[in-house]
Amino acid sequence: MRSVRSSKFGRRRRGFRFSLVVGVAAFTALGTSCLSVSGPVPPGKVFVRTMTLDAIQYPYAVYVPTTYDSTVALPSLLLVHGAGGDGLSFIGNWISYAEANRILLVAPTLDLSANAETRVPIVFPALMDAVKKEWNVDPARRYLFGYSAGGYFVYDAALLNSDYFAAAAVFAAVIQPEYDGIASQATRKTGIAIYLGDHDPYFTLQQGRRTRDLLISNGIDVRYVELADQDHDYSAVSATVNDDAWRFMIAHSLR
């Protein structure tokens, strides 16, 4: 296991933010249509789909890079939005980076309730399996990124589906003490990167460091980053965080 690496980014900076905002109801209604992406990002495509599992519908968006070749398996990144968000809006934070680095993005719109969280170990693999039926996705390079409330879901998937996802990254989320037990359930010691602002109004650095230490004590490869002068706003630093997180994650593989 690599030792934990702590660092601090510089002053708060404005990162890339994609302006495509579609309500959840409209997102679901789009079904299997295809949206052309325009504006400040390269001309890839966003496909909108809905998966039904145990009578529950899960709408999700898939970004496919312009250079996609069905004969070449691409790494994939499952993105989990925060409370009040949706997949189609959240995926925009990664489109420019995914186009440049040939990453297939998958962004579901989720109920982030505690009850829905218990279904994560079943829903996330099923979702990625549905994506693999349409696009050539490398099964050894499936990754996770979660923001705020979505970060709880990513911790769950990274630790409870450690043989399915190669690595994960979380922005502005910690593991609460009552859920410490998930850290010991990872059958494979996956890698998890954690990003937390030193002015986050919801989580303290003490909580972040406790989460870091919990994971390390359970053999998890952790990259822990405290962001100076940064609050809970992921979009303000998304460009910097995305690059750092992806470099960490892509170094991990199930091969």
C-alpha atoms as a PDB file:
ATOM      1  CA  MET A   1       0.000   0.000   0.000  1.00  0.00           C
ATOM      2  CA  ARG A   2       1.206   3.430  -0.882  1.00  0.00           C
ATOM      3  CA  SER A   3       1.433   5.824   2.039  1.00  0.00           C
ATOM      4  CA  VAL A   4      -1.083   8.641   2.287  1.00  0.00           C
ATOM      5  CA  ARG A   5      -0.170  11.829   0.492  1.00  0.00           C
ATOM      6  CA  SER A   6      -1.474  15.104   1.916  1.00  0.00           C
ATOM      7  CA  SER A   7      -1.303  18.353  -0.002  1.00  0.00           C
ATOM      8  CA  LYS A   8      -3.014  21.694  -0.444  1.00  0.00           C
ATOM      9  CA  PHE A   9      -4.088  23.383  -3.627  1.00  0.00           C
ATOM     10  CA  GLY A  10      -3.636  27.112  -3.914  1.00  0.00           C
ATOM     11  CA  ARG A  11      -6.212  29.867  -3.647  1.00  0.00           C
ATOM     12  CA  ARG A  12      -9.770  29.173  -4.592  1.00  0.00           C
ATOM     13  CA  ARG A  13     -10.094  29.367  -8.356  1.00  0.00           C
ATOM     14  CA  ARG A  14     -13.019  29.269 -10.729  1.00  0.00           C
ATOM     15  CA  GLY A  15     -13.113  25.993 -12.598  1.00  0.00           C
ATOM     16  CA  PHE A  16     -14.984  24.935 -15.744  1.00  0.00           C
ATOM     17  CA  ARG A  17     -18.711  24.671 -15.284  1.00  0.00           C
ATOM     18  CA  PHE A  18     -21.011  23.310 -17.946  1.00  0.00           C
ATOM     19  CA  SER A  19     -24.263  25.224 -18.231  1.00  0.00           C
ATOM     20  CA  LEU A  20     -26.553  22.418 -19.410  1.00  0.00           C
ATOM     21  CA  VAL A  21     -29.295  22.260 -16.768  1.00  0.00           C
ATOM     22  CA  VAL A  22     -32.296  19.991 -17.241  1.00  0.00           C
ATOM     23  CA  GLY A  23     -34.877  19.185 -14.579  1.00  0.00           C
ATOM     24  CA  VAL A  24     -35.137  15.621 -13.308  1.00  0.00           C
ATOM     25  CA  ALA A  25     -38.612  15.149 -14.807  1.00  0.00           C
ATOM     26  CA  ALA A  26     -37.441  16.293 -18.221  1.00  0.00           C
ATOM     27  CA  PHE A  27     -34.337  14.113 -17.884  1.00  0.00           C
ATOM     28  CA  THR A  28     -36.455  11.012 -17.299  1.00  0.00           C
ATOM     29  CA  ALA A  29     -38.820  11.868 -20.136  1.00  0.00           C
ATOM     30  CA  LEU A  30     -35.955  12.016 -22.635  1.00  0.00           C
ATOM     31  CA  GLY A  31     -35.731   8.223 -22.472  1.00  0.00           C
ATOM     32  CA  THR A  32     -33.221   6.970 -25.030  1.00  0.00           C
ATOM     33  CA  SER A  33     -32.733  10.169 -27.010  1.00  0.00           C
ATOM     34  CA  CYS A  34     -29.334  11.573 -27.925  1.00  0.00           C
ATOM     35  CA  LEU A  35     -28.289  15.130 -27.150  1.00  0.00           C
ATOM     36  CA  SER A  36     -25.623  16.979 -29.090  1.00  0.00           C
ATOM     37  CA  VAL A  37     -23.265  18.853 -26.782  1.00  0.00           C
ATOM     38  CA  SER A  38     -22.281  22.332 -27.876  1.00  0.00           C
ATOM     39  CA  GLY A  39     -20.749  25.467 -26.416  1.00  0.00           C
ATOM     40  CA  PRO A  40     -17.368  25.592 -24.665  1.00  0.00           C
ATOM     41  CA  VAL A  41     -16.775  21.826 -24.805  1.00  0.00           C
ATOM     42  CA  PRO A  42     -15.560  19.573 -27.651  1.00  0.00           C
ATOM     43  CA  PRO A  43     -18.275  17.978 -29.826  1.00  0.00           C
ATOM     44  CA  GLY A  44     -18.883  14.661 -28.100  1.00  0.00           C
ATOM     45  CA  LYS A  45     -22.325  13.206 -27.458  1.00  0.00           C
ATOM     46  CA  VAL A  46     -24.480  12.773 -24.384  1.00  0.00           C
ATOM     47  CA  PHE A  47     -26.881   9.837 -24.525  1.00  0.00           C
ATOM     48  CA  VAL A  48     -29.773   9.641 -22.081  1.00  0.00           C
ATOM     49  CA  ARG A  49     -31.047   6.270 -20.902  1.00  0.00           C
ATOM     50  CA  THR A  50     -33.236   4.743 -18.191  1.00  0.00           C
ATOM     51  CA  MET A  51     -32.518   1.478 -16.376  1.00  0.00           C
ATOM     52  CA  THR A  52     -35.316  -0.350 -14.551  1.00  0.00           C
ATOM     53  CA  LEU A  53     -34.279  -2.566 -11.662  1.00  0.00           C
ATOM     54  CA  ASP A  54     -36.758  -4.170  -9.251  1.00  0.00           C
ATOM     55  CA  ALA A  55     -39.503  -1.885 -10.607  1.00  0.00           C
ATOM     56  CA  ILE A  56     -37.459   1.261  -9.872  1.00  0.00           C
ATOM     57  CA  GLN A  57     -36.386   3.519 -12.734  1.00  0.00           C
ATOM     58  CA  TYR A  58     -32.877   4.989 -12.802  1.00  0.00           C
ATOM     59  CA  PRO A  59     -32.368   7.665 -15.458  1.00  0.00           C
ATOM     60  CA  TYR A  60     -28.751   8.216 -16.431  1.00  0.00           C
ATOM     61  CA  ALA A  61     -26.623  10.124 -18.933  1.00  0.00           C
ATOM     62  CA  VAL A  62     -23.619   8.728 -20.802  1.00  0.00           C
ATOM     63  CA  TYR A  63     -20.954  10.949 -22.370  1.00  0.00           C
ATOM     64  CA  VAL A  64     -19.106   9.310 -25.247  1.00  0.00           C
ATOM     65  CA  PRO A  65     -15.899  11.039 -26.464  1.00  0.00           C
ATOM     66  CA  THR A  66     -15.719  12.122 -30.084  1.00  0.00           C
ATOM     67  CA  THR A  67     -12.832   9.727 -30.722  1.00  0.00           C
ATOM     68  CA  TYR A  68     -14.741   6.675 -29.469  1.00  0.00           C
ATOM     69  CA  ASP A  69     -13.853   3.501 -31.381  1.00  0.00           C
ATOM     70  CA  SER A  70     -15.951   0.441 -30.602  1.00  0.00           C
ATOM     71  CA  THR A  71     -12.894  -1.789 -31.019  1.00  0.00           C
ATOM     72  CA  VAL A  72     -11.047  -0.074 -28.156  1.00  0.00           C
ATOM     73  CA  ALA A  73     -12.194  -0.502 -24.554  1.00  0.00           C
ATOM     74  CA  LEU A  74     -12.315   2.820 -22.694  1.00  0.00           C
ATOM     75  CA  PRO A  75     -12.008   3.545 -18.981  1.00  0.00           C
ATOM     76  CA  SER A  76     -15.308   4.660 -17.457  1.00  0.00           C
ATOM     77  CA  LEU A  77     -16.222   6.993 -14.627  1.00  0.00           C
ATOM     78  CA  LEU A  78     -19.496   6.776 -12.707  1.00  0.00           C
ATOM     79  CA  LEU A  79     -20.406  10.238 -11.417  1.00  0.00           C
ATOM     80  CA  VAL A  80     -22.696  10.707  -8.419  1.00  0.00           C
ATOM     81  CA  HIS A  81     -24.224  14.168  -7.944  1.00  0.00           C
ATOM     82  CA  GLY A  82     -24.967  15.885  -4.651  1.00  0.00           C
ATOM     83  CA  ALA A  83     -28.324  16.517  -2.964  1.00  0.00           C
ATOM     84  CA  GLY A  84     -30.748  18.385  -5.202  1.00  0.00           C
ATOM     85  CA  GLY A  85     -28.660  17.653  -8.292  1.00  0.00           C
ATOM     86  CA  ASP A  86     -29.134  15.405 -11.293  1.00  0.00           C
ATOM     87  CA  GLY A  87     -26.881  13.374 -13.528  1.00  0.00           C
ATOM     88  CA  LEU A  88     -27.355  15.362 -16.714  1.00  0.00           C
ATOM     89  CA  SER A  89     -26.287  18.598 -15.035  1.00  0.00           C
ATOM     90  CA  PHE A  90     -23.458  17.029 -13.021  1.00  0.00           C
ATOM     91  CA  ILE A  91     -21.869  15.298 -15.997  1.00  0.00           C
ATOM     92  CA  GLY A  92     -20.973  18.699 -17.447  1.00  0.00           C
ATOM     93  CA  ASN A  93     -18.258  19.201 -14.832  1.00  0.00           C
ATOM     94  CA  TRP A  94     -16.302  16.351 -16.452  1.00  0.00           C
ATOM     95  CA  ILE A  95     -17.090  16.569 -20.181  1.00  0.00           C
ATOM     96  CA  SER A  96     -14.116  18.687 -21.251  1.00  0.00           C
ATOM     97  CA  TYR A  97     -11.681  16.513 -19.296  1.00  0.00           C
ATOM     98  CA  ALA A  98     -13.279  13.286 -20.511  1.00  0.00           C
ATOM     99  CA  GLU A  99     -13.045  14.398 -24.119  1.00  0.00           C
ATOM    100  CA  ALA A 100      -9.356  15.213 -23.765  1.00  0.00           C
ATOM    101  CA  ASN A 101      -8.551  11.966 -21.932  1.00  0.00           C
ATOM    102  CA  ARG A 102     -10.932   9.567 -23.696  1.00  0.00           C
ATOM    103  CA  ILE A 103     -13.083   8.659 -20.688  1.00  0.00           C
ATOM    104  CA  LEU A 104     -16.631   7.369 -20.945  1.00  0.00           C
ATOM    105  CA  LEU A 105     -18.796   9.119 -18.341  1.00  0.00           C
ATOM    106  CA  VAL A 106     -21.911   7.682 -16.692  1.00  0.00           C
ATOM    107  CA  ALA A 107     -24.061   9.986 -14.552  1.00  0.00           C
ATOM    108  CA  PRO A 108     -27.296   8.675 -13.008  1.00  0.00           C
ATOM    109  CA  THR A 109     -29.945  10.785 -11.335  1.00  0.00           C
ATOM    110  CA  LEU A 110     -30.439   9.227  -7.923  1.00  0.00           C
ATOM    111  CA  ASP A 111     -32.599   9.346  -4.854  1.00  0.00           C
ATOM    112  CA  LEU A 112     -29.926  10.042  -2.255  1.00  0.00           C
ATOM    113  CA  SER A 113     -31.971   8.849   0.717  1.00  0.00           C
ATOM    114  CA  ALA A 114     -30.633   6.472   3.348  1.00  0.00           C
ATOM    115  CA  ASN A 115     -32.944   3.756   2.078  1.00  0.00           C
ATOM    116  CA  ALA A 116     -31.676   4.130  -1.487  1.00  0.00           C
ATOM    117  CA  GLU A 117     -28.099   3.988  -0.198  1.00  0.00           C
ATOM    118  CA  THR A 118     -28.612   0.386   0.919  1.00  0.00           C
ATOM    119  CA  ARG A 119     -29.146  -0.571  -2.740  1.00  0.00           C
ATOM    120  CA  VAL A 120     -25.864   0.874  -3.977  1.00  0.00           C
ATOM    121  CA  PRO A 121     -23.968  -2.479  -4.099  1.00  0.00           C
ATOM    122  CA  ILE A 122     -26.667  -3.821  -6.443  1.00  0.00           C
ATOM    123  CA  VAL A 123     -27.597  -0.733  -8.461  1.00  0.00           C
ATOM    124  CA  PHE A 124     -24.143   0.582  -9.407  1.00  0.00           C
ATOM    125  CA  PRO A 125     -22.813  -2.664 -10.951  1.00  0.00           C
ATOM    126  CA  ALA A 126     -26.153  -3.199 -12.729  1.00  0.00           C
ATOM    127  CA  LEU A 127     -25.966   0.301 -14.155  1.00  0.00           C
ATOM    128  CA  MET A 128     -22.436  -0.165 -15.444  1.00  0.00           C
ATOM    129  CA  ASP A 129     -23.361  -3.559 -16.894  1.00  0.00           C
ATOM    130  CA  ALA A 130     -26.190  -1.850 -18.807  1.00  0.00           C
ATOM    131  CA  VAL A 131     -23.713   0.693 -20.187  1.00  0.00           C
ATOM    132  CA  LYS A 132     -21.335  -2.082 -21.257  1.00  0.00           C
ATOM    133  CA  LYS A 133     -24.052  -3.581 -23.459  1.00  0.00           C
ATOM    134  CA  GLU A 134     -23.909  -0.458 -25.654  1.00  0.00           C
ATOM    135  CA  TRP A 135     -20.332   0.728 -25.413  1.00  0.00           C
ATOM    136  CA  ASN A 136     -16.948  -0.959 -25.137  1.00  0.00           C
ATOM    137  CA  VAL A 137     -15.993  -0.336 -21.513  1.00  0.00           C
ATOM    138  CA  ASP A 138     -12.830  -1.758 -19.951  1.00  0.00           C
ATOM    139  CA  PRO A 139     -13.990  -3.892 -16.973  1.00  0.00           C
ATOM    140  CA  ALA A 140     -10.622  -3.430 -15.269  1.00  0.00           C
ATOM    141  CA  ARG A 141     -10.851   0.362 -15.351  1.00  0.00           C
ATOM    142  CA  ARG A 142     -14.218   1.336 -13.876  1.00  0.00           C
ATOM    143  CA  TYR A 143     -14.008   4.297 -11.499  1.00  0.00           C
ATOM    144  CA  LEU A 144     -16.247   6.375  -9.218  1.00  0.00           C
ATOM    145  CA  PHE A 145     -16.504  10.068  -8.337  1.00  0.00           C
ATOM    146  CA  GLY A 146     -18.982  11.484  -5.830  1.00  0.00           C
ATOM    147  CA  TYR A 147     -19.807  14.944  -4.540  1.00  0.00           C
ATOM    148  CA  SER A 148     -21.268  15.744  -1.100  1.00  0.00           C
ATOM    149  CA  ALA A 149     -24.263  13.422  -0.438  1.00  0.00           C
ATOM    150  CA  GLY A 150     -23.224  11.484  -3.532  1.00  0.00           C
ATOM    151  CA  GLY A 151     -19.893  10.902  -1.832  1.00  0.00           C
ATOM    152  CA  TYR A 152     -21.586   8.651   0.738  1.00  0.00           C
ATOM    153  CA  PHE A 153     -22.771   6.426  -2.117  1.00  0.00           C
ATOM    154  CA  VAL A 154     -19.284   6.358  -3.612  1.00  0.00           C
ATOM    155  CA  TYR A 155     -17.689   5.292  -0.337  1.00  0.00           C
ATOM    156  CA  ASP A 156     -20.224   2.447  -0.222  1.00  0.00           C
ATOM    157  CA  ALA A 157     -19.563   1.301  -3.783  1.00  0.00           C
ATOM    158  CA  ALA A 158     -15.787   1.620  -3.513  1.00  0.00           C
ATOM    159  CA  LEU A 159     -15.671  -0.516  -0.377  1.00  0.00           C
ATOM    160  CA  LEU A 160     -18.574  -2.929  -0.884  1.00  0.00           C
ATOM    161  CA  ASN A 161     -17.939  -3.397  -4.620  1.00  0.00           C
ATOM    162  CA  SER A 162     -14.143  -3.276  -4.389  1.00  0.00           C
ATOM    163  CA  ASP A 163     -13.774  -6.138  -6.872  1.00  0.00           C
ATOM    164  CA  TYR A 164     -15.905  -4.273  -9.417  1.00  0.00           C
ATOM    165  CA  PHE A 165     -14.623  -0.690  -9.253  1.00  0.00           C
ATOM    166  CA  ALA A 166     -10.873  -0.092  -9.503  1.00  0.00           C
ATOM    167  CA  ALA A 167     -10.720   3.179  -7.548  1.00  0.00           C
ATOM    168  CA  ALA A 168     -12.786   6.161  -6.422  1.00  0.00           C
ATOM    169  CA  ALA A 169     -12.618   9.847  -5.543  1.00  0.00           C
ATOM    170  CA  VAL A 170     -14.843  11.900  -3.263  1.00  0.00           C
ATOM    171  CA  PHE A 171     -15.255  15.660  -2.941  1.00  0.00           C
ATOM    172  CA  ALA A 172     -16.733  17.119   0.264  1.00  0.00           C
ATOM    173  CA  ALA A 173     -17.886  13.942   2.011  1.00  0.00           C
ATOM    174  CA  VAL A 174     -16.669  11.827   4.919  1.00  0.00           C
ATOM    175  CA  ILE A 175     -17.489   8.486   6.527  1.00  0.00           C
ATOM    176  CA  GLN A 176     -19.549   9.009   9.653  1.00  0.00           C
ATOM    177  CA  PRO A 177     -18.545   6.920  12.709  1.00  0.00           C
ATOM    178  CA  GLU A 178     -21.723   4.810  12.629  1.00  0.00           C
ATOM    179  CA  TYR A 179     -20.703   3.556   9.171  1.00  0.00           C
ATOM    180  CA  ASP A 180     -17.063   2.776   9.964  1.00  0.00           C
ATOM    181  CA  GLY A 181     -17.763  -0.902   9.448  1.00  0.00           C
ATOM    182  CA  ILE A 182     -17.846  -0.575   5.659  1.00  0.00           C
ATOM    183  CA  ALA A 183     -14.090   0.070   5.638  1.00  0.00           C
ATOM    184  CA  SER A 184     -13.360  -3.463   6.832  1.00  0.00           C
ATOM    185  CA  GLN A 185     -15.678  -5.052   4.259  1.00  0.00           C
ATOM    186  CA  ALA A 186     -13.535  -4.292   1.213  1.00  0.00           C
ATOM    187  CA  THR A 187     -12.401  -7.654  -0.179  1.00  0.00           C
ATOM    188  CA  ARG A 188      -9.857  -5.799  -2.296  1.00  0.00           C
ATOM    189  CA  LYS A 189      -7.917  -2.834  -0.940  1.00  0.00           C
ATOM    190  CA  THR A 190      -9.033  -0.297  -3.507  1.00  0.00           C
ATOM    191  CA  GLY A 191      -7.782   3.287  -3.842  1.00  0.00           C
ATOM    192  CA  ILE A 192      -9.816   6.293  -2.651  1.00  0.00           C
ATOM    193  CA  ALA A 193      -8.941   9.982  -3.106  1.00  0.00           C
ATOM    194  CA  ILE A 194     -10.577  12.480  -0.723  1.00  0.00           C
ATOM    195  CA  TYR A 195     -10.866  16.245  -1.343  1.00  0.00           C
ATOM    196  CA  LEU A 196     -12.092  18.582   1.400  1.00  0.00           C
ATOM    197  CA  GLY A 197     -12.079  22.367   1.657  1.00  0.00           C
ATOM    198  CA  ASP A 198     -10.735  23.948   4.814  1.00  0.00           C
ATOM    199  CA  HIS A 199     -13.809  26.231   4.902  1.00  0.00           C
ATOM    200  CA  ASP A 200     -16.421  23.564   4.184  1.00  0.00           C
ATOM    201  CA  PRO A 201     -19.512  24.463   6.293  1.00  0.00           C
ATOM    202  CA  TYR A 202     -20.703  20.855   6.494  1.00  0.00           C
ATOM    203  CA  PHE A 203     -17.554  18.843   7.193  1.00  0.00           C
ATOM    204  CA  THR A 204     -14.500  19.697   9.268  1.00  0.00           C
ATOM    205  CA  LEU A 205     -10.903  18.826   8.495  1.00  0.00           C
ATOM    206  CA  GLN A 206     -10.958  16.744  11.663  1.00  0.00           C
ATOM    207  CA  GLN A 207     -13.714  14.604  10.114  1.00  0.00           C
ATOM    208  CA  GLY A 208     -11.784  14.357   6.881  1.00  0.00           C
ATOM    209  CA  ARG A 209      -8.620  13.253   8.620  1.00  0.00           C
ATOM    210  CA  ARG A 210     -10.562  10.733  10.700  1.00  0.00           C
ATOM    211  CA  THR A 211     -11.958   9.235   7.477  1.00  0.00           C
ATOM    212  CA  ARG A 212      -8.468   9.150   5.967  1.00  0.00           C
ATOM    213  CA  ASP A 213      -7.028   7.387   9.015  1.00  0.00           C
ATOM    214  CA  LEU A 214      -9.913   4.905   9.140  1.00  0.00           C
ATOM    215  CA  LEU A 215      -9.335   3.865   5.537  1.00  0.00           C
ATOM    216  CA  ILE A 216      -5.566   3.629   5.913  1.00  0.00           C
ATOM    217  CA  SER A 217      -5.952   1.460   9.018  1.00  0.00           C
ATOM    218  CA  ASN A 218      -7.980  -0.935   6.869  1.00  0.00           C
ATOM    219  CA  GLY A 219      -5.329  -1.157   4.172  1.00  0.00           C
ATOM    220  CA  ILE A 220      -6.933   1.276   1.717  1.00  0.00           C
ATOM    221  CA  ASP A 221      -4.649   3.296  -0.572  1.00  0.00           C
ATOM    222  CA  VAL A 222      -5.629   6.895   0.225  1.00  0.00           C
ATOM    223  CA  ARG A 223      -4.872  10.219  -1.369  1.00  0.00           C
ATOM    224  CA  TYR A 224      -6.054  12.939   1.013  1.00  0.00           C
ATOM    225  CA  VAL A 225      -6.122  16.566  -0.150  1.00  0.00           C
ATOM    226  CA  GLU A 226      -7.126  19.605   1.912  1.00  0.00           C
ATOM    227  CA  LEU A 227      -8.008  22.572  -0.292  1.00  0.00           C
ATOM    228  CA  ALA A 228      -6.971  25.957   1.076  1.00  0.00           C
ATOM    229  CA  ASP A 229      -9.615  28.727   1.196  1.00  0.00           C
ATOM    230  CA  GLN A 230     -12.218  26.398  -0.330  1.00  0.00           C
ATOM    231  CA  ASP A 231     -15.756  25.723   0.829  1.00  0.00           C
ATOM    232  CA  HIS A 232     -18.330  23.125  -0.308  1.00  0.00           C
ATOM    233  CA  ASP A 233     -18.516  24.393  -3.902  1.00  0.00           C
ATOM    234  CA  TYR A 234     -17.108  21.681  -6.168  1.00  0.00           C
ATOM    235  CA  SER A 235     -17.684  23.609  -9.411  1.00  0.00           C
ATOM    236  CA  ALA A 236     -15.255  26.327  -8.288  1.00  0.00           C
ATOM    237  CA  VAL A 237     -12.334  23.880  -8.317  1.00  0.00           C
ATOM    238  CA  SER A 238     -13.634  21.091 -10.547  1.00  0.00           C
ATOM    239  CA  ALA A 239     -10.955  21.480 -13.222  1.00  0.00           C
ATOM    240  CA  THR A 240      -8.136  21.105 -10.698  1.00  0.00           C
ATOM    241  CA  VAL A 241      -9.801  18.375  -8.643  1.00  0.00           C
ATOM    242  CA  ASN A 242     -10.811  16.361 -11.706  1.00  0.00           C
ATOM    243  CA  ASP A 243      -7.282  16.230 -13.055  1.00  0.00           C
ATOM    244  CA  ASP A 244      -5.779  15.285  -9.696  1.00  0.00           C
ATOM    245  CA  ALA A 245      -8.466  12.687  -8.997  1.00  0.00           C
ATOM    246  CA  TRP A 246      -8.190  11.081 -12.410  1.00  0.00           C
ATOM    247  CA  ARG A 247      -4.412  10.781 -12.208  1.00  0.00           C
ATOM    248  CA  PHE A 248      -4.832   8.962  -8.898  1.00  0.00           C
ATOM    249  CA  MET A 249      -7.644   6.698 -10.063  1.00  0.00           C
ATOM    250  CA  ILE A 250      -6.202   5.688 -13.431  1.00  0.00           C
ATOM    251  CA  ALA A 251      -3.089   4.371 -11.643  1.00  0.00           C
ATOM    252  CA  HIS A 252      -5.365   1.656 -10.208  1.00  0.00           C
ATOM    253  CA  SER A 253      -6.665  -1.272 -12.213  1.00  0.00           C
ATOM    254  CA  LEU A 254      -8.351  -4.603 -11.558  1.00  0.00           C
ATOM    255  CA  ARG A 255      -5.806  -6.340 -13.754  1.00  0.00           C
END
